[in-house]
Protein backbone atom coordinates (compact mmCIF):
# COMPACT_ATOMS: atom_id res chain seq x y z
CA MET A 1 13.13 -16.39 29.75
CA ARG A 2 14.69 -16.03 26.44
CA PHE A 3 12.84 -14.07 23.57
CA GLN A 4 11.07 -16.44 21.23
CA LYS A 5 10.89 -14.73 17.97
CA GLU A 6 8.76 -17.47 16.45
CA ARG A 7 6.04 -16.56 19.13
CA SER A 8 6.36 -12.75 18.84
CA ALA A 9 3.51 -11.20 16.66
CA GLY A 10 5.87 -8.12 15.95
CA PHE A 11 8.65 -10.22 14.72
CA LEU A 12 6.37 -12.51 12.52
CA ALA A 13 4.35 -9.48 11.15
CA ASN A 14 7.52 -7.58 10.19
CA GLN A 15 9.07 -10.68 8.51
CA MET A 16 5.86 -11.33 6.51
CA ALA A 17 5.69 -7.76 5.44
CA ARG A 18 9.23 -7.65 4.31
CA LEU A 19 8.72 -11.07 2.39
CA PHE A 20 5.46 -9.79 0.90
CA ALA A 21 7.01 -6.34 -0.10
CA LYS A 22 10.00 -8.25 -1.49
CA GLY A 23 7.64 -10.51 -3.73
CA LEU A 24 5.20 -7.64 -4.83
CA GLN A 25 8.35 -5.53 -5.64
CA ARG A 26 9.54 -8.52 -7.97
CA ARG A 27 6.05 -8.64 -9.62
CA ILE A 28 5.29 -4.91 -10.02
CA GLY A 29 8.86 -3.88 -10.73
CA PRO A 30 8.45 -4.57 -14.51
CA LEU A 31 5.51 -2.20 -14.46
CA GLY A 32 7.83 0.51 -13.21
CA LEU A 33 6.42 0.60 -9.74
CA ALA A 34 7.76 0.44 -6.10
CA PRO A 35 5.59 -0.80 -3.34
CA ALA A 36 5.04 2.55 -1.84
CA GLN A 37 3.96 3.85 -5.21
CA PHE A 38 1.45 1.10 -5.63
CA MET A 39 0.02 1.67 -2.01
CA THR A 40 -0.40 5.26 -3.18
CA LEU A 41 -2.13 4.26 -6.45
CA LEU A 42 -4.50 1.81 -4.54
CA ALA A 43 -5.83 4.77 -2.50
CA LEU A 44 -5.99 7.09 -5.63
CA TRP A 45 -7.74 4.30 -7.77
CA ASP A 46 -10.35 4.11 -4.98
CA GLU A 47 -10.81 7.95 -5.04
CA ASP A 48 -8.95 10.16 -7.19
CA GLY A 49 -8.06 13.64 -6.16
CA LEU A 50 -7.06 13.21 -2.60
CA THR A 51 -4.78 15.64 -0.94
CA GLN A 52 -1.32 14.68 0.27
CA SER A 53 -2.71 14.83 3.94
CA GLU A 54 -5.62 12.56 2.94
CA LEU A 55 -3.02 10.17 1.54
CA VAL A 56 -0.90 10.31 4.66
CA ARG A 57 -3.98 9.54 6.98
CA ARG A 58 -5.20 6.71 4.74
CA LEU A 59 -1.96 4.92 4.34
CA ASP A 60 -0.79 5.61 7.82
CA VAL A 61 2.76 6.96 6.58
CA GLU A 62 4.78 10.01 7.60
CA GLN A 63 4.19 13.24 5.89
CA ALA A 64 7.90 13.47 4.86
CA THR A 65 7.70 9.67 3.25
CA MET A 66 4.56 10.60 1.23
CA ALA A 67 6.06 13.83 -0.08
CA ASN A 68 8.97 11.99 -1.41
CA THR A 69 6.73 9.33 -2.91
CA LEU A 70 4.66 11.79 -4.59
CA THR A 71 7.62 13.53 -6.07
CA ARG A 72 8.78 10.15 -7.58
CA MET A 73 5.33 9.48 -8.82
CA GLU A 74 4.99 12.93 -10.48
CA ARG A 75 8.77 12.60 -12.00
CA ASP A 76 7.59 9.03 -13.18
CA GLY A 77 4.40 10.54 -14.89
CA LEU A 78 2.05 8.63 -12.48
CA ILE A 79 0.24 11.47 -10.90
CA GLU A 80 -0.12 15.27 -11.45
CA ARG A 81 -0.85 17.89 -8.73
CA ARG A 82 -3.70 20.39 -9.22
CA SER A 83 -4.73 23.37 -7.04
CA ASN A 84 -7.24 22.22 -4.76
CA PRO A 85 -10.61 24.27 -5.52
CA SER A 86 -11.82 24.02 -2.02
CA ASP A 87 -8.54 24.75 -0.40
CA GLY A 88 -6.25 27.18 -2.18
CA ARG A 89 -3.44 26.15 0.30
CA SER A 90 -3.26 22.53 -0.81
CA GLN A 91 -3.11 20.62 -4.12
CA SER A 92 -5.06 17.59 -4.84
CA ILE A 93 -3.18 14.34 -6.56
CA HIS A 94 -4.54 13.04 -9.76
CA LEU A 95 -3.99 10.08 -11.54
CA THR A 96 -2.47 10.24 -15.08
CA GLU A 97 -3.48 7.98 -18.10
CA LYS A 98 -0.37 6.00 -17.49
CA SER A 99 -1.34 5.21 -13.94
CA LYS A 100 -5.10 4.54 -14.82
CA HIS A 101 -3.58 1.81 -17.47
CA LEU A 102 -1.49 0.29 -14.56
CA CYS A 103 -4.56 -0.62 -12.25
CA ASP A 104 -5.45 -3.96 -13.79
CA PRO A 105 -1.76 -5.13 -14.29
CA ALA A 106 -0.55 -3.94 -10.82
CA THR A 107 -3.63 -5.28 -8.95
CA ASP A 108 -3.37 -8.66 -10.91
CA ALA A 109 0.32 -8.82 -9.47
CA ALA A 110 -0.75 -7.89 -5.96
CA ARG A 111 -3.55 -10.75 -6.23
CA ALA A 112 -0.64 -13.11 -7.42
CA GLN A 113 1.65 -12.17 -4.48
CA ASN A 114 -1.27 -12.71 -2.04
CA ALA A 115 -2.09 -16.22 -3.76
CA THR A 116 1.34 -17.04 -2.91
CA ALA A 117 1.33 -15.99 0.57
CA LEU A 118 -1.96 -17.96 1.34
CA ALA A 119 -1.43 -20.80 -0.79
CA ASP A 120 -1.15 -23.31 1.87
CA PHE A 121 -4.22 -22.16 3.59
CA THR A 122 -7.71 -23.44 3.24
CA ASP A 123 -10.36 -20.97 2.43
CA GLN A 124 -11.60 -21.11 6.00
CA GLU A 125 -8.08 -20.59 7.23
CA LYS A 126 -7.53 -17.68 4.68
CA GLU A 127 -10.84 -15.79 6.02
CA MET A 128 -9.97 -16.42 9.57
CA PHE A 129 -6.23 -15.29 9.06
CA LEU A 130 -7.30 -11.93 7.34
CA ALA A 131 -10.05 -11.24 10.07
CA LEU A 132 -7.50 -12.01 12.94
CA MET A 133 -5.01 -9.53 10.92
CA ARG A 134 -7.62 -6.83 10.78
CA ARG A 135 -8.38 -7.24 14.58
CA ALA A 136 -4.74 -6.93 15.38
CA ILE A 137 -4.53 -3.87 13.15
CA ALA A 138 -7.68 -2.32 14.58
CA ALA A 139 -6.22 -2.92 18.25
CA MET A 140 -3.12 -1.13 17.36
CA HIS A 141 -5.09 1.95 15.97
CA ASP A 142 -6.81 2.12 19.22
CA ASP A 143 -3.64 2.03 21.35
């Protein structure tokens, strides 16, 4: 039997993620942000002062990817690293005034991209779709 990509959860999720990232980049690019920076900022807007290891776990990315993202963010004035008072071997990552001021416009841009992606769904379909996505993600975390 031939592989049917339109019936493949992996293929569809990948295509949706790529299209979503492309639309998000178009919306947050004028703010000087890339999608990976935005995801990192989302975590820091929730809890400022996380360590690099905590960000890796929360965002489920590779250590090297996070290190590169944080280096770019520090260069761009979005974060600053400070010695972690509870563990001298690590550093905590803190928001700068610049990144704090980006919270509202960046999250508004993400909401607009979400609205575009879900525009043809009823409210009930949106809730069901998001619930099913969360279940699929949880199932893969348990794998």
